PDB file of N, CA and C in Angstrom:
ATOM      1  N   UNK A   1       7.404  47.787 -10.430  1.00  0.00           N
ATOM      2  CA  UNK A   1       8.064  46.095 -10.554  1.00  0.00           C
ATOM      3  C   UNK A   1       8.492  45.890  -9.798  1.00  0.00           C
ATOM      4  N   UNK A   2       8.543  46.100  -8.580  1.00  0.00           N
ATOM      5  CA  UNK A   2       8.449  44.768  -7.164  1.00  0.00           C
ATOM      6  C   UNK A   2       6.771  44.027  -7.091  1.00  0.00           C
ATOM      7  N   UNK A   3       6.527  44.491  -7.362  1.00  0.00           N
ATOM      8  CA  UNK A   3       4.666  44.152  -7.704  1.00  0.00           C
ATOM      9  C   UNK A   3       4.724  42.982  -8.645  1.00  0.00           C
ATOM     10  N   UNK A   4       5.491  43.312 -10.029  1.00  0.00           N
ATOM     11  CA  UNK A   4       5.168  42.164 -10.673  1.00  0.00           C
ATOM     12  C   UNK A   4       6.136  40.732 -10.248  1.00  0.00           C
ATOM     13  N   UNK A   5       6.640  41.291  -9.099  1.00  0.00           N
ATOM     14  CA  UNK A   5       7.727  40.055  -9.021  1.00  0.00           C
ATOM     15  C   UNK A   5       7.400  39.422  -8.408  1.00  0.00           C
ATOM     16  N   UNK A   6       6.220  39.785  -7.099  1.00  0.00           N
ATOM     17  CA  UNK A   6       5.484  39.510  -5.941  1.00  0.00           C
ATOM     18  C   UNK A   6       4.104  38.242  -6.435  1.00  0.00           C
ATOM     19  N   UNK A   7       3.919  39.025  -7.957  1.00  0.00           N
ATOM     20  CA  UNK A   7       3.212  38.280  -8.196  1.00  0.00           C
ATOM     21  C   UNK A   7       3.492  37.077  -8.460  1.00  0.00           C
ATOM     22  N   UNK A   8       4.343  37.331  -9.548  1.00  0.00           N
ATOM     23  CA  UNK A   8       4.674  35.787 -10.184  1.00  0.00           C
ATOM     24  C   UNK A   8       5.256  34.545  -9.345  1.00  0.00           C
ATOM     25  N   UNK A   9       6.024  35.179  -8.097  1.00  0.00           N
ATOM     26  CA  UNK A   9       6.455  34.615  -7.139  1.00  0.00           C
ATOM     27  C   UNK A   9       5.127  33.562  -6.191  1.00  0.00           C
ATOM     28  N   UNK A  10       4.467  34.264  -6.199  1.00  0.00           N
ATOM     29  CA  UNK A  10       2.793  33.659  -6.027  1.00  0.00           C
ATOM     30  C   UNK A  10       2.206  32.577  -6.631  1.00  0.00           C
ATOM     31  N   UNK A  11       2.693  33.159  -7.694  1.00  0.00           N
ATOM     32  CA  UNK A  11       1.597  32.268  -9.041  1.00  0.00           C
ATOM     33  C   UNK A  11       2.987  30.708  -8.858  1.00  0.00           C
ATOM     34  N   UNK A  12       4.236  31.341  -8.314  1.00  0.00           N
ATOM     35  CA  UNK A  12       4.767  29.796  -9.457  1.00  0.00           C
ATOM     36  C   UNK A  12       4.794  28.891  -7.547  1.00  0.00           C
ATOM     37  N   UNK A  13       4.435  29.708  -6.571  1.00  0.00           N
ATOM     38  CA  UNK A  13       4.261  29.198  -5.490  1.00  0.00           C
ATOM     39  C   UNK A  13       2.825  27.781  -5.556  1.00  0.00           C
ATOM     40  N   UNK A  14       2.074  28.659  -6.214  1.00  0.00           N
ATOM     41  CA  UNK A  14       0.783  27.973  -6.654  1.00  0.00           C
ATOM     42  C   UNK A  14       1.150  26.408  -7.066  1.00  0.00           C
ATOM     43  N   UNK A  15       1.730  26.908  -8.036  1.00  0.00           N
ATOM     44  CA  UNK A  15       2.059  25.521  -9.253  1.00  0.00           C
ATOM     45  C   UNK A  15       2.842  24.576  -8.498  1.00  0.00           C
ATOM     46  N   UNK A  16       4.033  25.063  -8.228  1.00  0.00           N
ATOM     47  CA  UNK A  16       4.895  24.302  -7.161  1.00  0.00           C
ATOM     48  C   UNK A  16       3.852  23.018  -5.692  1.00  0.00           C
ATOM     49  N   UNK A  17       2.925  24.006  -5.587  1.00  0.00           N
ATOM     50  CA  UNK A  17       1.792  23.099  -4.578  1.00  0.00           C
ATOM     51  C   UNK A  17       1.018  22.108  -5.490  1.00  0.00           C
ATOM     52  N   UNK A  18       1.099  22.297  -6.094  1.00  0.00           N
ATOM     53  CA  UNK A  18       0.128  21.067  -7.431  1.00  0.00           C
ATOM     54  C   UNK A  18       1.096  20.106  -7.335  1.00  0.00           C
ATOM     55  N   UNK A  19       2.505  20.553  -8.226  1.00  0.00           N
ATOM     56  CA  UNK A  19       3.493  19.775  -8.754  1.00  0.00           C
ATOM     57  C   UNK A  19       3.780  18.537  -7.222  1.00  0.00           C
ATOM     58  N   UNK A  20       3.658  19.353  -5.844  1.00  0.00           N
ATOM     59  CA  UNK A  20       4.035  18.563  -5.035  1.00  0.00           C
ATOM     60  C   UNK A  20       2.796  17.765  -4.566  1.00  0.00           C
ATOM     61  N   UNK A  21       1.970  18.373  -4.473  1.00  0.00           N
ATOM     62  CA  UNK A  21       0.737  17.136  -4.843  1.00  0.00           C
ATOM     63  C   UNK A  21       0.128  15.967  -5.859  1.00  0.00           C
ATOM     64  N   UNK A  22       0.513  16.095  -6.943  1.00  0.00           N
ATOM     65  CA  UNK A  22       0.821  15.538  -7.502  1.00  0.00           C
ATOM     66  C   UNK A  22       1.771  14.386  -8.119  1.00  0.00           C
ATOM     67  N   UNK A  23       2.700  15.022  -7.361  1.00  0.00           N
ATOM     68  CA  UNK A  23       4.128  13.581  -6.569  1.00  0.00           C
ATOM     69  C   UNK A  23       3.973  12.667  -5.606  1.00  0.00           C
ATOM     70  N   UNK A  24       3.314  13.338  -4.162  1.00  0.00           N
ATOM     71  CA  UNK A  24       2.568  12.850  -3.427  1.00  0.00           C
ATOM     72  C   UNK A  24       1.524  11.473  -4.060  1.00  0.00           C
ATOM     73  N   UNK A  25       0.741  12.096  -4.534  1.00  0.00           N
ATOM     74  CA  UNK A  25      -0.294  11.227  -5.265  1.00  0.00           C
ATOM     75  C   UNK A  25       0.395   9.816  -5.968  1.00  0.00           C
ATOM     76  N   UNK A  26       0.839  10.280  -6.665  1.00  0.00           N
ATOM     77  CA  UNK A  26       1.713   8.932  -7.844  1.00  0.00           C
ATOM     78  C   UNK A  26       2.546   7.867  -6.951  1.00  0.00           C
ATOM     79  N   UNK A  27       3.375   8.970  -5.936  1.00  0.00           N
ATOM     80  CA  UNK A  27       3.671   7.964  -4.797  1.00  0.00           C
ATOM     81  C   UNK A  27       2.743   6.881  -3.917  1.00  0.00           C
ATOM     82  N   UNK A  28       1.890   7.141  -3.597  1.00  0.00           N
ATOM     83  CA  UNK A  28       0.753   6.855  -2.817  1.00  0.00           C
ATOM     84  C   UNK A  28       0.144   5.692  -3.816  1.00  0.00           C
ATOM     85  N   UNK A  29       0.161   5.488  -5.005  1.00  0.00           N
ATOM     86  CA  UNK A  29      -0.651   4.763  -5.761  1.00  0.00           C
ATOM     87  C   UNK A  29       0.401   4.062  -5.923  1.00  0.00           C
ATOM     88  N   UNK A  30       1.448   4.281  -6.313  1.00  0.00           N
ATOM     89  CA  UNK A  30       2.423   3.238  -6.486  1.00  0.00           C
ATOM     90  C   UNK A  30       2.837   2.462  -5.572  1.00  0.00           C
ATOM     91  N   UNK A  31       2.804   2.854  -3.588  1.00  0.00           N
ATOM     92  CA  UNK A  31       2.542   2.454  -2.602  1.00  0.00           C
ATOM     93  C   UNK A  31       1.675   1.201  -2.193  1.00  0.00           C
ATOM     94  N   UNK A  32       0.071   1.434  -3.154  1.00  0.00           N
ATOM     95  CA  UNK A  32      -0.874   1.112  -2.817  1.00  0.00           C
ATOM     96  C   UNK A  32      -0.830  -0.284  -3.477  1.00  0.00           C
ATOM     97  N   UNK A  33       0.037  -0.303  -5.018  1.00  0.00           N
ATOM     98  CA  UNK A  33       0.102  -1.332  -5.751  1.00  0.00           C
ATOM     99  C   UNK A  33       0.637  -2.294  -5.732  1.00  0.00           C
ATOM    100  N   UNK A  34       1.644  -1.922  -4.866  1.00  0.00           N
ATOM    101  CA  UNK A  34       3.039  -3.036  -4.127  1.00  0.00           C
ATOM    102  C   UNK A  34       2.550  -3.863  -3.191  1.00  0.00           C
ATOM    103  N   UNK A  35       1.295  -2.993  -1.732  1.00  0.00           N
ATOM    104  CA  UNK A  35       0.533  -3.340  -0.915  1.00  0.00           C
ATOM    105  C   UNK A  35      -0.471  -4.905  -1.524  1.00  0.00           C
ATOM    106  N   UNK A  36      -0.697  -4.144  -2.420  1.00  0.00           N
ATOM    107  CA  UNK A  36      -1.847  -5.424  -3.201  1.00  0.00           C
ATOM    108  C   UNK A  36      -0.971  -6.485  -3.462  1.00  0.00           C
ATOM    109  N   UNK A  37       0.426  -6.171  -4.736  1.00  0.00           N
ATOM    110  CA  UNK A  37       1.075  -7.416  -5.553  1.00  0.00           C
ATOM    111  C   UNK A  37       1.819  -8.383  -3.970  1.00  0.00           C
ATOM    112  N   UNK A  38       1.920  -7.444  -2.373  1.00  0.00           N
ATOM    113  CA  UNK A  38       2.819  -8.240  -2.267  1.00  0.00           C
ATOM    114  C   UNK A  38       1.415  -9.208  -1.042  1.00  0.00           C
ATOM    115  N   UNK A  39       0.715  -8.227  -0.528  1.00  0.00           N
ATOM    116  CA  UNK A  39      -0.623  -8.988  -0.369  1.00  0.00           C
ATOM    117  C   UNK A  39      -0.809 -10.218  -0.965  1.00  0.00           C
ATOM    118  N   UNK A  40      -1.328 -10.168  -2.114  1.00  0.00           N
ATOM    119  CA  UNK A  40      -1.772 -11.910  -2.131  1.00  0.00           C
ATOM    120  C   UNK A  40      -0.922 -12.876  -2.028  1.00  0.00           C
ATOM    121  N   UNK A  41       0.655 -12.073  -2.382  1.00  0.00           N
ATOM    122  CA  UNK A  41       1.253 -13.169  -2.473  1.00  0.00           C
ATOM    123  C   UNK A  41       1.776 -13.671  -0.777  1.00  0.00           C
ATOM    124  N   UNK A  42       1.845 -12.904   0.496  1.00  0.00           N
ATOM    125  CA  UNK A  42       1.824 -13.442   1.530  1.00  0.00           C
ATOM    126  C   UNK A  42       0.302 -14.606   1.361  1.00  0.00           C
ATOM    127  N   UNK A  43       0.024 -14.154   1.319  1.00  0.00           N
ATOM    128  CA  UNK A  43      -1.995 -15.112   1.405  1.00  0.00           C
ATOM    129  C   UNK A  43      -1.686 -16.167   0.953  1.00  0.00           C
ATOM    130  N   UNK A  44      -1.291 -16.278  -0.275  1.00  0.00           N
ATOM    131  CA  UNK A  44      -1.122 -17.282  -1.012  1.00  0.00           C
ATOM    132  C   UNK A  44       0.158 -18.306  -0.011  1.00  0.00           C
ATOM    133  N   UNK A  45       1.211 -17.550   0.129  1.00  0.00           N
ATOM    134  CA  UNK A  45       1.943 -18.335   1.306  1.00  0.00           C
ATOM    135  C   UNK A  45       1.624 -19.118   2.644  1.00  0.00           C
ATOM    136  N   UNK A  46       0.747 -17.911   2.918  1.00  0.00           N
ATOM    137  CA  UNK A  46       0.344 -18.513   4.414  1.00  0.00           C
ATOM    138  C   UNK A  46      -0.305 -19.990   4.146  1.00  0.00           C
ATOM    139  N   UNK A  47      -1.410 -19.493   2.820  1.00  0.00           N
ATOM    140  CA  UNK A  47      -2.720 -20.303   2.739  1.00  0.00           C
ATOM    141  C   UNK A  47      -1.547 -21.695   2.688  1.00  0.00           C
ATOM    142  N   UNK A  48      -0.436 -22.149   2.131  1.00  0.00           N
ATOM    143  CA  UNK A  48      -0.079 -23.065   1.337  1.00  0.00           C
ATOM    144  C   UNK A  48       1.008 -23.649   2.286  1.00  0.00           C
ATOM    145  N   UNK A  49       1.560 -22.886   3.439  1.00  0.00           N
ATOM    146  CA  UNK A  49       2.146 -22.919   4.949  1.00  0.00           C
ATOM    147  C   UNK A  49       0.695 -24.060   6.097  1.00  0.00           C
ATOM    148  N   UNK A  50      -0.738 -23.310   6.036  1.00  0.00           N
ATOM    149  CA  UNK A  50      -1.794 -24.008   6.277  1.00  0.00           C
ATOM    150  C   UNK A  50      -1.713 -25.063   6.071  1.00  0.00           C
ATOM    151  N   UNK A  51      -1.548 -24.967   4.540  1.00  0.00           N
ATOM    152  CA  UNK A  51      -2.668 -26.539   4.266  1.00  0.00           C
ATOM    153  C   UNK A  51      -1.550 -27.692   4.981  1.00  0.00           C
ATOM    154  N   UNK A  52       0.078 -27.472   4.084  1.00  0.00           N
ATOM    155  CA  UNK A  52       0.589 -28.547   4.792  1.00  0.00           C
ATOM    156  C   UNK A  52       0.929 -28.586   5.998  1.00  0.00           C
ATOM    157  N   UNK A  53       0.886 -28.073   7.091  1.00  0.00           N
ATOM    158  CA  UNK A  53       0.754 -27.580   8.781  1.00  0.00           C
ATOM    159  C   UNK A  53      -0.306 -29.377   8.577  1.00  0.00           C
ATOM    160  N   UNK A  54      -1.814 -28.276   8.217  1.00  0.00           N
ATOM    161  CA  UNK A  54      -2.624 -29.735   8.511  1.00  0.00           C
ATOM    162  C   UNK A  54      -2.203 -30.827   8.040  1.00  0.00           C
ATOM    163  N   UNK A  55      -1.411 -30.869   6.530  1.00  0.00           N
ATOM    164  CA  UNK A  55      -1.636 -32.630   6.215  1.00  0.00           C
ATOM    165  C   UNK A  55      -0.357 -33.191   6.805  1.00  0.00           C
ATOM    166  N   UNK A  56       0.295 -32.501   7.946  1.00  0.00           N
ATOM    167  CA  UNK A  56       1.260 -33.206   8.282  1.00  0.00           C
ATOM    168  C   UNK A  56       0.619 -33.220   9.555  1.00  0.00           C
ATOM    169  N   UNK A  57       0.364 -32.579  10.774  1.00  0.00           N
ATOM    170  CA  UNK A  57      -0.735 -33.206  11.209  1.00  0.00           C
ATOM    171  C   UNK A  57      -1.939 -34.503  11.527  1.00  0.00           C
ATOM    172  N   UNK A  58      -2.305 -34.305  10.023  1.00  0.00           N
ATOM    173  CA  UNK A  58      -3.816 -35.168  10.034  1.00  0.00           C
ATOM    174  C   UNK A  58      -4.579 -34.695  10.727  1.00  0.00           C
ATOM    175  N   UNK A  59      -5.061 -33.050  10.846  1.00  0.00           N
ATOM    176  CA  UNK A  59      -5.883 -32.510  11.564  1.00  0.00           C
ATOM    177  C   UNK A  59      -6.988 -32.777  10.746  1.00  0.00           C
ATOM    178  N   UNK A  60      -8.217 -32.478  11.525  1.00  0.00           N
ATOM    179  CA  UNK A  60      -9.487 -32.182  11.340  1.00  0.00           C
ATOM    180  C   UNK A  60      -9.904 -31.417  11.250  1.00  0.00           C
ATOM    181  N   UNK A  61      -8.993 -30.300  11.760  1.00  0.00           N
ATOM    182  CA  UNK A  61     -10.033 -28.988  11.195  1.00  0.00           C
ATOM    183  C   UNK A  61      -9.678 -28.266  10.813  1.00  0.00           C
ATOM    184  N   UNK A  62     -10.890 -27.578  10.563  1.00  0.00           N
ATOM    185  CA  UNK A  62     -10.765 -26.790   8.767  1.00  0.00           C
ATOM    186  C   UNK A  62      -9.919 -25.579   8.653  1.00  0.00           C
ATOM    187  N   UNK A  63      -9.489 -24.724   9.657  1.00  0.00           N
ATOM    188  CA  UNK A  63      -8.550 -23.842   9.395  1.00  0.00           C
ATOM    189  C   UNK A  63      -7.192 -23.746  10.284  1.00  0.00           C
ATOM    190  N   UNK A  64      -5.988 -22.819   9.922  1.00  0.00           N
ATOM    191  CA  UNK A  64      -4.935 -23.648  11.459  1.00  0.00           C
ATOM    192  C   UNK A  64      -4.560 -22.666  12.705  1.00  0.00           C
ATOM    193  N   UNK A  65      -6.047 -22.021  12.532  1.00  0.00           N
ATOM    194  CA  UNK A  65      -6.234 -20.792  13.803  1.00  0.00           C
ATOM    195  C   UNK A  65      -7.238 -21.682  14.425  1.00  0.00           C
ATOM    196  N   UNK A  66      -6.981 -21.851  15.941  1.00  0.00           N
ATOM    197  CA  UNK A  66      -7.554 -22.391  16.454  1.00  0.00           C
ATOM    198  C   UNK A  66      -9.070 -21.318  17.140  1.00  0.00           C
ATOM    199  N   UNK A  67     -10.262 -21.969  17.781  1.00  0.00           N
ATOM    200  CA  UNK A  67     -11.261 -20.535  17.756  1.00  0.00           C
ATOM    201  C   UNK A  67     -11.592 -20.939  19.178  1.00  0.00           C
ATOM    202  N   UNK A  68     -10.838 -20.857  19.986  1.00  0.00           N
ATOM    203  CA  UNK A  68     -10.595 -20.127  21.421  1.00  0.00           C
ATOM    204  C   UNK A  68     -10.719 -21.356  22.366  1.00  0.00           C
ATOM    205  N   UNK A  69     -10.649 -20.804  23.807  1.00  0.00           N
ATOM    206  CA  UNK A  69     -10.991 -22.045  24.783  1.00  0.00           C
ATOM    207  C   UNK A  69     -11.768 -22.722  24.835  1.00  0.00           C
TER     208      UNK A  69
END
């Protein structure tokens, strides 16, 4: 009788490990989607800010970042 309960317990541990792996994969997928969505919004915001700064300063440079000394 004890052997059967140990076998069932081992099977349940394997199943719970798979369940946790699926949860982790789902959370990772959600994080990737959020980062991609926020990244595009931030990129647009920075680009708009750069364009506004260029217009305000009436600069002839093509980017907001200097090329160095």
